[in-house]
Every structure is written in C-alpha cells, then in structure tokens.
C-alpha cells in the first residue's frame, strides 16, 4: 500500500457522536463501516468533568451493523477518565475483525460535558482517501509561505 505525504490523504474522518451538554447518560454512535480500511482510531473529547464524575468509552463491533449480528464489545477497548477535564479518550482499533464499529460513551456518578466523538479511519484500500460528507471542507498543503 502506497502512503501519500501528510495525514489527511491517508485517513477518512467520520463523525460519531455529537457534543453533549452537562449530564449523566450513555451516548451510542451509529455504526461506522470499515469495509475499505485496516483500522480506525476513535477519539472522544472530554469537556468539564465534575469532581466525582467518570467518563468511559468503549467500542463495539458487528459484521452487519446490527441487522442480525448484534453489536458486541471489542475486547480491551474500554478507556476511562475520572475527574479529568479537557482531556481525550482514545481507542485505536489496529485490526478489524468485523465490518462495523460503534462507540458508546457513558457519563456516570456526576455531570460531565462531552465534545464530539470522531473516528479516524486508516489503511485505506484505495488512495488517496476522499473525505465523506462529515467533513465540510479540507485541504492538504505544503509548508510554503504565501497567501492562505
């Protein structure tokens, strides 16, 4: 597989979960199709976490987006922050065994604010990667001075 200079031509960015106001709840993303990718890294931005609050993210997988194959936890994919405002929860799924993944982010004990949860799909079968509708605008550039 050929790698193209820069990160953007080598990954697809997919939105998973919207920003969430202060609260305690579980938020589940829609399935993300990894059919043309080797793996994906899921990043959840954490805003303010109340002093006793916890935020946990885990990944689940399914071969058919839950149609007949129920989503099941990806072994070892659970990550947690306790009392840690303005941080990230990150899970890198380096090897795909099912076609679809989804993220579940759970806020418990005390209120927490979430930024969005995003998947970065990599190891594409076809290069360069073309961004989907989740990306409003993107551009890869070289580090030359001039008009932006």
N, C-alpha and C. Protein backbone atom coordinates (compact mmCIF):
# COMPACT_ATOMS: atom_id res chain seq x y z
N UNK A 1 0.84 -1.18 0.00
CA UNK A 1 0.00 0.00 0.00
C UNK A 1 0.89 1.24 0.00
N UNK A 2 0.57 2.17 -0.90
CA UNK A 2 1.33 3.41 -1.01
C UNK A 2 0.81 4.43 -0.01
N UNK A 3 1.73 5.10 0.68
CA UNK A 3 1.36 6.17 1.60
C UNK A 3 1.64 7.50 0.92
N UNK A 4 0.69 8.41 0.99
CA UNK A 4 0.83 9.73 0.42
C UNK A 4 1.23 10.69 1.54
N UNK A 5 2.12 11.66 1.24
CA UNK A 5 2.58 12.60 2.27
C UNK A 5 1.42 13.32 2.93
N UNK A 6 1.56 13.52 4.23
CA UNK A 6 0.53 14.19 5.00
C UNK A 6 -0.46 13.19 5.58
N UNK A 7 -1.16 13.61 6.60
CA UNK A 7 -2.13 12.74 7.26
C UNK A 7 -3.46 12.68 6.52
N UNK A 8 -3.97 13.83 6.09
CA UNK A 8 -5.31 13.91 5.51
C UNK A 8 -5.54 12.99 4.31
N UNK A 9 -4.61 12.87 3.35
CA UNK A 9 -4.86 11.99 2.22
C UNK A 9 -4.85 10.50 2.58
N UNK A 10 -4.44 10.18 3.82
CA UNK A 10 -4.30 8.79 4.24
C UNK A 10 -5.37 8.32 5.22
N UNK A 11 -6.26 9.21 5.64
CA UNK A 11 -7.31 8.85 6.59
C UNK A 11 -8.65 9.39 6.14
N UNK A 12 -9.73 8.77 6.62
CA UNK A 12 -11.06 9.34 6.45
C UNK A 12 -11.57 9.72 7.83
N UNK A 13 -12.13 10.91 7.95
CA UNK A 13 -12.64 11.41 9.22
C UNK A 13 -14.15 11.20 9.24
N UNK A 14 -14.64 10.53 10.29
CA UNK A 14 -16.07 10.23 10.40
C UNK A 14 -16.60 10.69 11.76
N UNK A 15 -17.67 11.46 11.74
CA UNK A 15 -18.33 11.92 12.95
C UNK A 15 -19.10 10.75 13.56
N UNK A 16 -19.01 10.60 14.90
CA UNK A 16 -19.71 9.50 15.56
C UNK A 16 -20.78 9.98 16.54
N UNK A 17 -20.42 10.87 17.48
CA UNK A 17 -21.37 11.34 18.49
C UNK A 17 -21.25 12.86 18.60
N UNK A 18 -22.41 13.54 18.63
CA UNK A 18 -22.45 14.99 18.80
C UNK A 18 -21.93 15.40 20.17
N UNK A 19 -21.59 16.69 20.31
CA UNK A 19 -21.28 17.26 21.62
C UNK A 19 -22.49 17.07 22.53
N UNK A 20 -22.24 16.86 23.83
CA UNK A 20 -23.31 16.62 24.78
C UNK A 20 -23.22 17.60 25.94
N UNK A 21 -24.36 18.18 26.31
CA UNK A 21 -24.42 19.12 27.43
C UNK A 21 -24.16 18.39 28.74
N UNK A 22 -23.93 19.17 29.79
CA UNK A 22 -23.67 18.63 31.12
C UNK A 22 -24.73 17.61 31.50
N UNK A 23 -24.31 16.43 31.92
CA UNK A 23 -25.28 15.41 32.30
C UNK A 23 -24.62 14.09 32.62
N UNK A 24 -25.49 13.10 32.87
CA UNK A 24 -25.06 11.73 33.12
C UNK A 24 -25.91 10.84 32.22
N UNK A 25 -25.31 10.27 31.22
CA UNK A 25 -26.05 9.45 30.27
C UNK A 25 -25.07 8.61 29.46
N UNK A 26 -25.61 7.66 28.73
CA UNK A 26 -24.83 6.88 27.78
C UNK A 26 -25.22 7.33 26.38
N UNK A 27 -24.24 7.58 25.54
CA UNK A 27 -24.48 8.00 24.17
C UNK A 27 -23.86 6.97 23.24
N UNK A 28 -24.65 6.48 22.29
CA UNK A 28 -24.20 5.44 21.37
C UNK A 28 -24.19 5.98 19.95
N UNK A 29 -23.08 5.80 19.26
CA UNK A 29 -22.97 6.28 17.88
C UNK A 29 -23.68 5.32 16.93
N UNK A 30 -23.90 5.79 15.73
CA UNK A 30 -24.31 4.90 14.64
C UNK A 30 -23.09 4.08 14.25
N UNK A 31 -23.30 3.02 13.51
CA UNK A 31 -22.18 2.20 13.05
C UNK A 31 -21.36 2.91 11.99
N UNK A 32 -20.07 2.67 12.02
CA UNK A 32 -19.14 3.20 11.02
C UNK A 32 -18.61 2.01 10.22
N UNK A 33 -18.74 2.09 8.90
CA UNK A 33 -18.35 1.00 8.01
C UNK A 33 -16.83 1.04 7.76
N UNK A 34 -16.15 -0.03 8.13
CA UNK A 34 -14.70 -0.13 7.96
C UNK A 34 -14.31 -1.06 6.80
N UNK A 35 -15.25 -1.30 5.88
CA UNK A 35 -15.02 -2.27 4.80
C UNK A 35 -13.75 -2.01 4.01
N UNK A 36 -13.39 -0.76 3.78
CA UNK A 36 -12.23 -0.45 2.95
C UNK A 36 -11.02 0.02 3.74
N UNK A 37 -10.98 -0.29 5.05
CA UNK A 37 -9.91 0.20 5.91
C UNK A 37 -9.34 -0.92 6.77
N UNK A 38 -8.06 -0.77 7.12
CA UNK A 38 -7.41 -1.73 8.02
C UNK A 38 -7.79 -1.50 9.47
N UNK A 39 -8.08 -0.25 9.84
CA UNK A 39 -8.38 0.06 11.23
C UNK A 39 -8.94 1.45 11.38
N UNK A 40 -9.19 1.81 12.64
CA UNK A 40 -9.72 3.12 12.93
C UNK A 40 -9.38 3.53 14.35
N UNK A 41 -9.13 4.81 14.53
CA UNK A 41 -8.89 5.35 15.85
C UNK A 41 -10.07 6.23 16.22
N UNK A 42 -10.66 5.99 17.40
CA UNK A 42 -11.81 6.76 17.85
C UNK A 42 -11.36 7.67 18.98
N UNK A 43 -11.71 8.97 18.86
CA UNK A 43 -11.31 9.98 19.82
C UNK A 43 -12.55 10.68 20.35
N UNK A 44 -12.69 10.71 21.68
CA UNK A 44 -13.78 11.42 22.35
C UNK A 44 -13.18 12.58 23.14
N UNK A 45 -13.61 13.79 22.82
CA UNK A 45 -13.15 14.98 23.55
C UNK A 45 -13.99 15.14 24.81
N UNK A 46 -13.32 15.31 25.94
CA UNK A 46 -13.98 15.47 27.23
C UNK A 46 -13.90 16.94 27.62
N UNK A 47 -15.04 17.52 28.00
CA UNK A 47 -15.07 18.90 28.50
C UNK A 47 -14.89 18.88 30.00
N UNK A 48 -15.77 19.57 30.71
CA UNK A 48 -15.69 19.65 32.16
C UNK A 48 -16.28 18.39 32.79
N UNK A 49 -15.52 17.76 33.69
CA UNK A 49 -15.97 16.61 34.45
C UNK A 49 -16.07 17.03 35.91
N UNK A 50 -17.27 16.94 36.50
CA UNK A 50 -17.46 17.29 37.90
C UNK A 50 -16.58 16.39 38.76
N UNK A 51 -16.15 16.88 39.92
CA UNK A 51 -15.10 16.26 40.73
C UNK A 51 -15.21 14.75 40.92
N UNK A 52 -16.40 14.20 41.04
CA UNK A 52 -16.52 12.74 41.23
C UNK A 52 -16.97 12.02 39.96
N UNK A 53 -17.09 12.77 38.87
CA UNK A 53 -17.60 12.20 37.62
C UNK A 53 -16.62 11.28 36.92
N UNK A 54 -17.16 10.36 36.15
CA UNK A 54 -16.36 9.48 35.30
C UNK A 54 -16.95 9.46 33.90
N UNK A 55 -16.07 9.34 32.92
CA UNK A 55 -16.50 9.18 31.53
C UNK A 55 -15.75 7.97 30.98
N UNK A 56 -16.52 7.04 30.41
CA UNK A 56 -15.94 5.81 29.85
C UNK A 56 -16.36 5.68 28.39
N UNK A 57 -15.42 5.29 27.55
CA UNK A 57 -15.72 4.99 26.15
C UNK A 57 -15.30 3.57 25.85
N UNK A 58 -16.13 2.86 25.09
CA UNK A 58 -15.77 1.53 24.61
C UNK A 58 -16.24 1.40 23.17
N UNK A 59 -15.63 0.47 22.46
CA UNK A 59 -16.03 0.18 21.09
C UNK A 59 -16.77 -1.14 21.04
N UNK A 60 -17.71 -1.22 20.12
CA UNK A 60 -18.41 -2.47 19.83
C UNK A 60 -18.29 -2.72 18.33
N UNK A 61 -18.48 -4.00 17.94
CA UNK A 61 -18.36 -4.36 16.53
C UNK A 61 -19.48 -5.30 16.10
N UNK A 62 -19.75 -5.29 14.79
CA UNK A 62 -20.78 -6.14 14.21
C UNK A 62 -20.42 -6.39 12.75
N UNK A 63 -20.77 -7.54 12.23
CA UNK A 63 -20.48 -7.84 10.82
C UNK A 63 -21.50 -7.21 9.87
N UNK A 64 -22.70 -6.85 10.39
CA UNK A 64 -23.76 -6.35 9.51
C UNK A 64 -24.49 -5.13 10.09
N UNK A 65 -23.81 -4.33 10.89
CA UNK A 65 -24.38 -3.12 11.50
C UNK A 65 -25.58 -3.44 12.39
N UNK A 66 -25.54 -4.61 13.03
CA UNK A 66 -26.57 -4.99 13.99
C UNK A 66 -27.84 -5.56 13.39
N UNK A 67 -27.88 -5.77 12.07
CA UNK A 67 -29.09 -6.30 11.42
C UNK A 67 -29.43 -7.69 11.97
N UNK A 68 -28.48 -8.61 11.93
CA UNK A 68 -28.68 -9.93 12.54
C UNK A 68 -27.55 -10.27 13.51
N UNK A 69 -26.39 -9.63 13.31
CA UNK A 69 -25.24 -9.82 14.20
C UNK A 69 -25.22 -8.68 15.21
N UNK A 70 -25.72 -8.94 16.41
CA UNK A 70 -25.80 -7.92 17.46
C UNK A 70 -24.41 -7.36 17.75
N UNK A 71 -24.34 -6.05 17.99
CA UNK A 71 -23.07 -5.44 18.36
C UNK A 71 -22.56 -6.06 19.66
N UNK A 72 -21.26 -6.32 19.69
CA UNK A 72 -20.60 -6.88 20.88
C UNK A 72 -19.35 -6.06 21.19
N UNK A 73 -18.99 -5.99 22.47
CA UNK A 73 -17.81 -5.24 22.89
C UNK A 73 -16.55 -5.74 22.21
N UNK A 74 -15.67 -4.80 21.86
CA UNK A 74 -14.33 -5.14 21.38
C UNK A 74 -13.47 -5.34 22.61
N UNK A 75 -12.88 -6.50 22.74
CA UNK A 75 -12.08 -6.86 23.91
C UNK A 75 -10.99 -5.82 24.18
N UNK A 76 -10.93 -5.34 25.42
CA UNK A 76 -9.89 -4.41 25.84
C UNK A 76 -10.08 -2.98 25.38
N UNK A 77 -11.25 -2.64 24.84
CA UNK A 77 -11.41 -1.30 24.25
C UNK A 77 -11.93 -0.23 25.21
N UNK A 78 -12.20 -0.56 26.45
CA UNK A 78 -12.75 0.40 27.40
C UNK A 78 -11.66 1.30 27.97
N UNK A 79 -11.88 2.62 27.90
CA UNK A 79 -10.97 3.61 28.48
C UNK A 79 -11.80 4.57 29.32
N UNK A 80 -11.22 5.08 30.42
CA UNK A 80 -11.97 5.89 31.38
C UNK A 80 -11.15 7.09 31.84
N UNK A 81 -11.85 8.20 32.07
CA UNK A 81 -11.26 9.36 32.74
C UNK A 81 -12.10 9.63 33.98
N UNK A 82 -11.42 9.88 35.09
CA UNK A 82 -12.08 10.24 36.34
C UNK A 82 -11.56 11.60 36.77
N UNK A 83 -12.47 12.55 36.94
CA UNK A 83 -12.09 13.87 37.40
C UNK A 83 -10.97 14.46 36.54
N UNK A 84 -11.12 14.36 35.24
CA UNK A 84 -10.09 14.86 34.33
C UNK A 84 -10.69 15.70 33.23
N UNK A 85 -10.88 16.99 33.48
CA UNK A 85 -11.49 17.88 32.49
C UNK A 85 -10.52 18.19 31.35
N UNK A 86 -11.10 18.46 30.18
CA UNK A 86 -10.36 18.88 28.99
C UNK A 86 -9.28 17.88 28.60
N UNK A 87 -9.69 16.64 28.46
CA UNK A 87 -8.82 15.54 28.07
C UNK A 87 -9.44 14.81 26.88
N UNK A 88 -8.79 13.75 26.42
CA UNK A 88 -9.30 12.90 25.35
C UNK A 88 -9.33 11.45 25.80
N UNK A 89 -10.33 10.72 25.36
CA UNK A 89 -10.34 9.27 25.46
C UNK A 89 -10.06 8.76 24.05
N UNK A 90 -9.10 7.84 23.90
CA UNK A 90 -8.67 7.39 22.58
C UNK A 90 -8.57 5.87 22.57
N UNK A 91 -9.17 5.25 21.55
CA UNK A 91 -9.03 3.82 21.32
C UNK A 91 -8.62 3.64 19.86
N UNK A 92 -7.50 2.94 19.63
CA UNK A 92 -7.01 2.66 18.29
C UNK A 92 -7.27 1.19 17.98
N UNK A 93 -8.18 0.94 17.07
CA UNK A 93 -8.52 -0.42 16.66
C UNK A 93 -7.66 -0.76 15.45
N UNK A 94 -6.48 -1.32 15.71
CA UNK A 94 -5.48 -1.54 14.67
C UNK A 94 -5.75 -2.71 13.75
N UNK A 95 -6.68 -3.56 14.12
CA UNK A 95 -7.01 -4.71 13.30
C UNK A 95 -8.52 -4.91 13.36
N UNK A 96 -9.14 -4.96 12.22
CA UNK A 96 -10.60 -5.07 12.14
C UNK A 96 -11.00 -6.52 11.96
N UNK A 97 -11.88 -7.03 12.86
CA UNK A 97 -12.38 -8.39 12.69
C UNK A 97 -13.84 -8.41 12.27
N UNK A 98 -14.53 -7.27 12.40
CA UNK A 98 -15.91 -7.12 11.93
C UNK A 98 -15.97 -5.87 11.07
N UNK A 99 -16.97 -5.78 10.21
CA UNK A 99 -17.05 -4.67 9.25
C UNK A 99 -17.43 -3.34 9.89
N UNK A 100 -18.26 -3.35 10.92
CA UNK A 100 -18.78 -2.12 11.51
C UNK A 100 -18.31 -1.96 12.95
N UNK A 101 -18.06 -0.71 13.34
CA UNK A 101 -17.79 -0.39 14.75
C UNK A 101 -18.72 0.73 15.17
N UNK A 102 -18.94 0.81 16.47
CA UNK A 102 -19.63 1.95 17.05
C UNK A 102 -18.99 2.25 18.39
N UNK A 103 -19.20 3.49 18.85
CA UNK A 103 -18.66 3.91 20.15
C UNK A 103 -19.82 4.11 21.12
N UNK A 104 -19.58 3.75 22.38
CA UNK A 104 -20.52 4.05 23.45
C UNK A 104 -19.75 4.84 24.50
N UNK A 105 -20.24 6.05 24.78
CA UNK A 105 -19.62 6.92 25.78
C UNK A 105 -20.60 7.08 26.93
N UNK A 106 -20.15 6.71 28.13
CA UNK A 106 -21.02 6.73 29.31
C UNK A 106 -20.49 7.72 30.34
N UNK A 107 -21.37 8.63 30.77
CA UNK A 107 -21.04 9.59 31.83
C UNK A 107 -21.78 9.15 33.09
N UNK A 108 -21.05 9.03 34.21
CA UNK A 108 -21.66 8.49 35.43
C UNK A 108 -21.19 9.23 36.68
N UNK A 109 -21.86 8.97 37.78
CA UNK A 109 -21.59 9.46 39.13
C UNK A 109 -21.90 10.95 39.28
N UNK A 110 -21.33 11.79 38.43
CA UNK A 110 -21.60 13.24 38.46
C UNK A 110 -21.57 13.76 37.03
N UNK A 111 -22.11 14.94 36.82
CA UNK A 111 -22.24 15.50 35.48
C UNK A 111 -20.91 15.70 34.77
N UNK A 112 -20.95 15.53 33.45
CA UNK A 112 -19.79 15.75 32.59
C UNK A 112 -20.26 16.31 31.26
N UNK A 113 -19.42 17.12 30.64
CA UNK A 113 -19.69 17.67 29.32
C UNK A 113 -18.79 16.97 28.31
N UNK A 114 -19.37 16.60 27.17
CA UNK A 114 -18.59 15.93 26.13
C UNK A 114 -18.46 16.81 24.89
N UNK A 115 -17.26 16.81 24.31
CA UNK A 115 -17.10 17.32 22.97
C UNK A 115 -17.55 16.20 22.03
N UNK A 116 -17.30 16.34 20.76
CA UNK A 116 -17.74 15.30 19.83
C UNK A 116 -16.82 14.09 19.88
N UNK A 117 -17.34 12.98 19.38
CA UNK A 117 -16.57 11.74 19.24
C UNK A 117 -16.38 11.51 17.75
N UNK A 118 -15.13 11.25 17.35
CA UNK A 118 -14.75 11.18 15.95
C UNK A 118 -13.93 9.93 15.67
N UNK A 119 -14.16 9.31 14.51
CA UNK A 119 -13.35 8.17 14.07
C UNK A 119 -12.41 8.63 12.96
N UNK A 120 -11.17 8.16 13.03
CA UNK A 120 -10.17 8.42 12.00
C UNK A 120 -9.82 7.07 11.39
N UNK A 121 -10.33 6.81 10.19
CA UNK A 121 -10.14 5.52 9.53
C UNK A 121 -8.85 5.54 8.73
N UNK A 122 -8.07 4.47 8.85
CA UNK A 122 -6.77 4.44 8.17
C UNK A 122 -6.52 3.08 7.51
N UNK A 123 -5.45 3.04 6.71
CA UNK A 123 -5.12 1.81 5.99
C UNK A 123 -6.10 1.56 4.85
N UNK A 124 -6.44 2.61 4.13
CA UNK A 124 -7.44 2.52 3.05
C UNK A 124 -6.95 1.62 1.92
N UNK A 125 -7.90 0.90 1.32
CA UNK A 125 -7.60 0.05 0.16
C UNK A 125 -7.40 0.88 -1.10
N UNK A 126 -7.97 2.09 -1.13
CA UNK A 126 -7.87 2.97 -2.30
C UNK A 126 -7.33 4.32 -1.85
N UNK A 127 -6.27 4.78 -2.52
CA UNK A 127 -5.63 6.04 -2.16
C UNK A 127 -5.71 7.01 -3.33
N UNK A 128 -5.72 8.33 -3.12
CA UNK A 128 -5.86 8.95 -1.81
C UNK A 128 -7.30 8.80 -1.31
N UNK A 129 -7.46 8.92 0.00
CA UNK A 129 -8.77 8.83 0.61
C UNK A 129 -9.56 10.09 0.27
N UNK A 130 -10.82 9.92 -0.08
CA UNK A 130 -11.71 11.04 -0.33
C UNK A 130 -12.60 11.19 0.89
N UNK A 131 -12.64 12.40 1.46
CA UNK A 131 -13.45 12.64 2.66
C UNK A 131 -14.93 12.57 2.32
N UNK A 132 -15.70 12.02 3.25
CA UNK A 132 -17.14 11.92 3.07
C UNK A 132 -17.86 13.19 3.50
N UNK A 133 -19.16 13.09 3.65
CA UNK A 133 -19.99 14.25 3.95
C UNK A 133 -19.82 14.79 5.36
N UNK A 134 -19.15 14.05 6.26
CA UNK A 134 -18.91 14.54 7.62
C UNK A 134 -17.89 15.67 7.65
N UNK A 135 -17.10 15.82 6.60
CA UNK A 135 -16.08 16.86 6.53
C UNK A 135 -16.60 17.98 5.63
N UNK A 136 -16.77 19.17 6.20
CA UNK A 136 -17.30 20.31 5.45
C UNK A 136 -16.31 20.83 4.42
N UNK A 137 -15.02 20.87 4.77
CA UNK A 137 -14.00 21.37 3.88
C UNK A 137 -12.65 20.86 4.35
N UNK A 138 -11.78 20.51 3.43
CA UNK A 138 -10.44 20.03 3.81
C UNK A 138 -9.47 20.32 2.69
N UNK A 139 -8.18 20.37 3.05
CA UNK A 139 -7.14 20.62 2.07
C UNK A 139 -5.80 20.18 2.62
N UNK A 140 -4.99 19.54 1.82
CA UNK A 140 -3.61 19.22 2.19
C UNK A 140 -2.72 20.25 1.52
N UNK A 141 -1.76 20.79 2.27
CA UNK A 141 -0.87 21.82 1.73
C UNK A 141 0.57 21.49 2.09
N UNK A 142 1.50 22.16 1.41
CA UNK A 142 2.92 22.06 1.76
C UNK A 142 3.29 23.27 2.59
N UNK A 143 4.38 23.21 3.32
CA UNK A 143 4.76 24.28 4.24
C UNK A 143 5.46 25.46 3.63
N UNK A 144 4.89 26.04 2.58
CA UNK A 144 5.47 27.22 1.95
C UNK A 144 4.76 28.47 2.44
N UNK A 145 5.50 29.59 2.53
CA UNK A 145 4.88 30.86 2.91
C UNK A 145 4.14 31.45 1.73
N UNK A 146 3.07 32.17 2.03
CA UNK A 146 2.27 32.81 0.99
C UNK A 146 0.86 33.04 1.49
N UNK A 147 -0.02 33.40 0.58
CA UNK A 147 -1.42 33.67 0.93
C UNK A 147 -2.11 32.38 1.33
N UNK A 148 -2.83 32.45 2.45
CA UNK A 148 -3.54 31.27 2.95
C UNK A 148 -4.68 30.93 2.02
